[in-house]
Amino acid sequence: MTPAQAKAELKRIRKGIDGVDDGVVKLLGRRRALVLRLAKAKKVLKVPIHDRTRELALVERVKRLGKAKRLNPEFVEVVFRLIVMNSKEVQYHEAR
């Protein structure tokens, strides 16, 4: 591969990464909208926002999915714990 080819490849790869990042943000937005709907249903049902059993099951499920995609399970866990933490915050502050 020549330097010019490598430079073009780098540009293509970065464009692909940007597209993936845009998709991740779009999916996080969709998840947030679902979380708001979830909070409203929980309010009607008078159930707590925090469901430890559900949270643990979610983390284990995504770690298995991540492992199948050759991702570090601990990395996947950290990412999803942050997502869950934000989801609980959204439920507490925006949907109550």
C-alpha atoms as a PDB file:
ATOM      1  CA  MET A   1       0.000   0.000   0.000  1.00  0.00           C
ATOM      2  CA  THR A   2       1.364   3.384  -0.945  1.00  0.00           C
ATOM      3  CA  PRO A   3       1.186   6.407   1.372  1.00  0.00           C
ATOM      4  CA  ALA A   4      -1.477   7.934  -0.902  1.00  0.00           C
ATOM      5  CA  GLN A   5      -3.547   4.741  -0.718  1.00  0.00           C
ATOM      6  CA  ALA A   6      -3.091   4.577   3.033  1.00  0.00           C
ATOM      7  CA  LYS A   7      -4.216   8.200   3.355  1.00  0.00           C
ATOM      8  CA  ALA A   8      -7.341   7.488   1.277  1.00  0.00           C
ATOM      9  CA  GLU A   9      -8.034   4.351   3.329  1.00  0.00           C
ATOM     10  CA  LEU A  10      -7.653   6.303   6.565  1.00  0.00           C
ATOM     11  CA  LYS A  11     -10.192   8.836   5.298  1.00  0.00           C
ATOM     12  CA  ARG A  12     -12.668   6.059   4.346  1.00  0.00           C
ATOM     13  CA  ILE A  13     -12.254   4.333   7.698  1.00  0.00           C
ATOM     14  CA  ARG A  14     -12.785   7.552   9.638  1.00  0.00           C
ATOM     15  CA  LYS A  15     -15.901   8.309   7.595  1.00  0.00           C
ATOM     16  CA  GLY A  16     -17.180   4.820   8.460  1.00  0.00           C
ATOM     17  CA  ILE A  17     -16.436   5.360  12.151  1.00  0.00           C
ATOM     18  CA  ASP A  18     -18.262   8.700  12.051  1.00  0.00           C
ATOM     19  CA  GLY A  19     -21.271   6.931  10.541  1.00  0.00           C
ATOM     20  CA  VAL A  20     -21.236   4.298  13.270  1.00  0.00           C
ATOM     21  CA  ASP A  21     -20.932   7.001  15.952  1.00  0.00           C
ATOM     22  CA  ASP A  22     -23.903   8.850  14.431  1.00  0.00           C
ATOM     23  CA  GLY A  23     -25.882   5.608  14.561  1.00  0.00           C
ATOM     24  CA  VAL A  24     -24.968   5.043  18.217  1.00  0.00           C
ATOM     25  CA  VAL A  25     -26.208   8.532  19.137  1.00  0.00           C
ATOM     26  CA  LYS A  26     -29.420   7.983  17.160  1.00  0.00           C
ATOM     27  CA  LEU A  27     -30.015   4.694  18.996  1.00  0.00           C
ATOM     28  CA  LEU A  28     -29.361   6.358  22.353  1.00  0.00           C
ATOM     29  CA  GLY A  29     -32.004   8.931  21.453  1.00  0.00           C
ATOM     30  CA  ARG A  30     -34.484   6.160  20.628  1.00  0.00           C
ATOM     31  CA  ARG A  31     -33.643   4.441  23.911  1.00  0.00           C
ATOM     32  CA  ARG A  32     -34.242   7.684  25.817  1.00  0.00           C
ATOM     33  CA  ALA A  33     -37.686   8.062  24.256  1.00  0.00           C
ATOM     34  CA  LEU A  34     -38.543   4.510  25.325  1.00  0.00           C
ATOM     35  CA  VAL A  35     -37.232   5.190  28.828  1.00  0.00           C
ATOM     36  CA  LEU A  36     -39.573   8.183  29.145  1.00  0.00           C
ATOM     37  CA  ARG A  37     -42.521   6.008  28.124  1.00  0.00           C
ATOM     38  CA  LEU A  38     -41.353   3.344  30.575  1.00  0.00           C
ATOM     39  CA  ALA A  39     -41.260   5.867  33.418  1.00  0.00           C
ATOM     40  CA  LYS A  40     -44.830   6.962  32.708  1.00  0.00           C
ATOM     41  CA  ALA A  41     -46.040   3.359  32.779  1.00  0.00           C
ATOM     42  CA  LYS A  42     -44.144   2.717  36.015  1.00  0.00           C
ATOM     43  CA  LYS A  43     -45.759   5.798  37.544  1.00  0.00           C
ATOM     44  CA  VAL A  44     -49.254   4.544  36.682  1.00  0.00           C
ATOM     45  CA  LEU A  45     -48.421   1.101  38.043  1.00  0.00           C
ATOM     46  CA  LYS A  46     -46.746   2.613  41.112  1.00  0.00           C
ATOM     47  CA  VAL A  47     -43.622   0.509  40.662  1.00  0.00           C
ATOM     48  CA  PRO A  48     -40.143   1.778  41.513  1.00  0.00           C
ATOM     49  CA  ILE A  49     -37.861   3.159  38.846  1.00  0.00           C
ATOM     50  CA  HIS A  50     -34.936   1.026  39.944  1.00  0.00           C
ATOM     51  CA  ASP A  51     -35.324  -2.692  39.222  1.00  0.00           C
ATOM     52  CA  ARG A  52     -32.101  -4.357  40.318  1.00  0.00           C
ATOM     53  CA  THR A  53     -33.079  -7.769  38.923  1.00  0.00           C
ATOM     54  CA  ARG A  54     -33.841  -6.305  35.488  1.00  0.00           C
ATOM     55  CA  GLU A  55     -30.624  -4.266  35.530  1.00  0.00           C
ATOM     56  CA  LEU A  56     -28.454  -7.280  36.377  1.00  0.00           C
ATOM     57  CA  ALA A  57     -30.153  -9.387  33.679  1.00  0.00           C
ATOM     58  CA  LEU A  58     -29.612  -6.617  31.108  1.00  0.00           C
ATOM     59  CA  VAL A  59     -25.920  -6.329  31.962  1.00  0.00           C
ATOM     60  CA  GLU A  60     -25.391 -10.084  31.725  1.00  0.00           C
ATOM     61  CA  ARG A  61     -27.278 -10.241  28.418  1.00  0.00           C
ATOM     62  CA  VAL A  62     -25.276  -7.449  26.771  1.00  0.00           C
ATOM     63  CA  LYS A  63     -21.994  -8.877  28.076  1.00  0.00           C
ATOM     64  CA  ARG A  64     -22.838 -12.161  26.334  1.00  0.00           C
ATOM     65  CA  LEU A  65     -23.753 -10.287  23.145  1.00  0.00           C
ATOM     66  CA  GLY A  66     -20.532  -8.306  23.351  1.00  0.00           C
ATOM     67  CA  LYS A  67     -18.460 -11.416  23.882  1.00  0.00           C
ATOM     68  CA  ALA A  68     -20.046 -12.952  20.772  1.00  0.00           C
ATOM     69  CA  LYS A  69     -18.849  -9.858  18.863  1.00  0.00           C
ATOM     70  CA  ARG A  70     -15.339 -10.223  20.341  1.00  0.00           C
ATOM     71  CA  LEU A  71     -15.762  -7.218  22.636  1.00  0.00           C
ATOM     72  CA  ASN A  72     -14.306  -7.100  26.119  1.00  0.00           C
ATOM     73  CA  PRO A  73     -17.220  -8.023  28.447  1.00  0.00           C
ATOM     74  CA  GLU A  74     -16.015  -5.589  31.118  1.00  0.00           C
ATOM     75  CA  PHE A  75     -16.014  -2.755  28.566  1.00  0.00           C
ATOM     76  CA  VAL A  76     -19.561  -3.645  27.501  1.00  0.00           C
ATOM     77  CA  GLU A  77     -20.627  -3.746  31.155  1.00  0.00           C
ATOM     78  CA  VAL A  78     -19.194  -0.288  31.870  1.00  0.00           C
ATOM     79  CA  VAL A  79     -20.872   1.201  28.802  1.00  0.00           C
ATOM     80  CA  PHE A  80     -24.249  -0.283  29.673  1.00  0.00           C
ATOM     81  CA  ARG A  81     -24.029   0.608  33.345  1.00  0.00           C
ATOM     82  CA  LEU A  82     -23.534   4.223  32.226  1.00  0.00           C
ATOM     83  CA  ILE A  83     -26.515   3.932  29.888  1.00  0.00           C
ATOM     84  CA  VAL A  84     -28.660   2.450  32.663  1.00  0.00           C
ATOM     85  CA  MET A  85     -27.507   5.115  35.124  1.00  0.00           C
ATOM     86  CA  ASN A  86     -28.528   7.818  32.656  1.00  0.00           C
ATOM     87  CA  SER A  87     -31.853   6.072  32.020  1.00  0.00           C
ATOM     88  CA  LYS A  88     -32.669   6.073  35.733  1.00  0.00           C
ATOM     89  CA  GLU A  89     -31.704   9.756  35.939  1.00  0.00           C
ATOM     90  CA  VAL A  90     -34.015  10.549  33.021  1.00  0.00           C
ATOM     91  CA  GLN A  91     -36.832   8.671  34.715  1.00  0.00           C
ATOM     92  CA  TYR A  92     -36.327  10.429  38.047  1.00  0.00           C
ATOM     93  CA  HIS A  93     -35.967  13.937  36.682  1.00  0.00           C
ATOM     94  CA  GLU A  94     -37.903  14.145  33.439  1.00  0.00           C
ATOM     95  CA  ALA A  95     -40.778  11.736  33.655  1.00  0.00           C
ATOM     96  CA  ARG A  96     -41.992  12.128  37.224  1.00  0.00           C
END
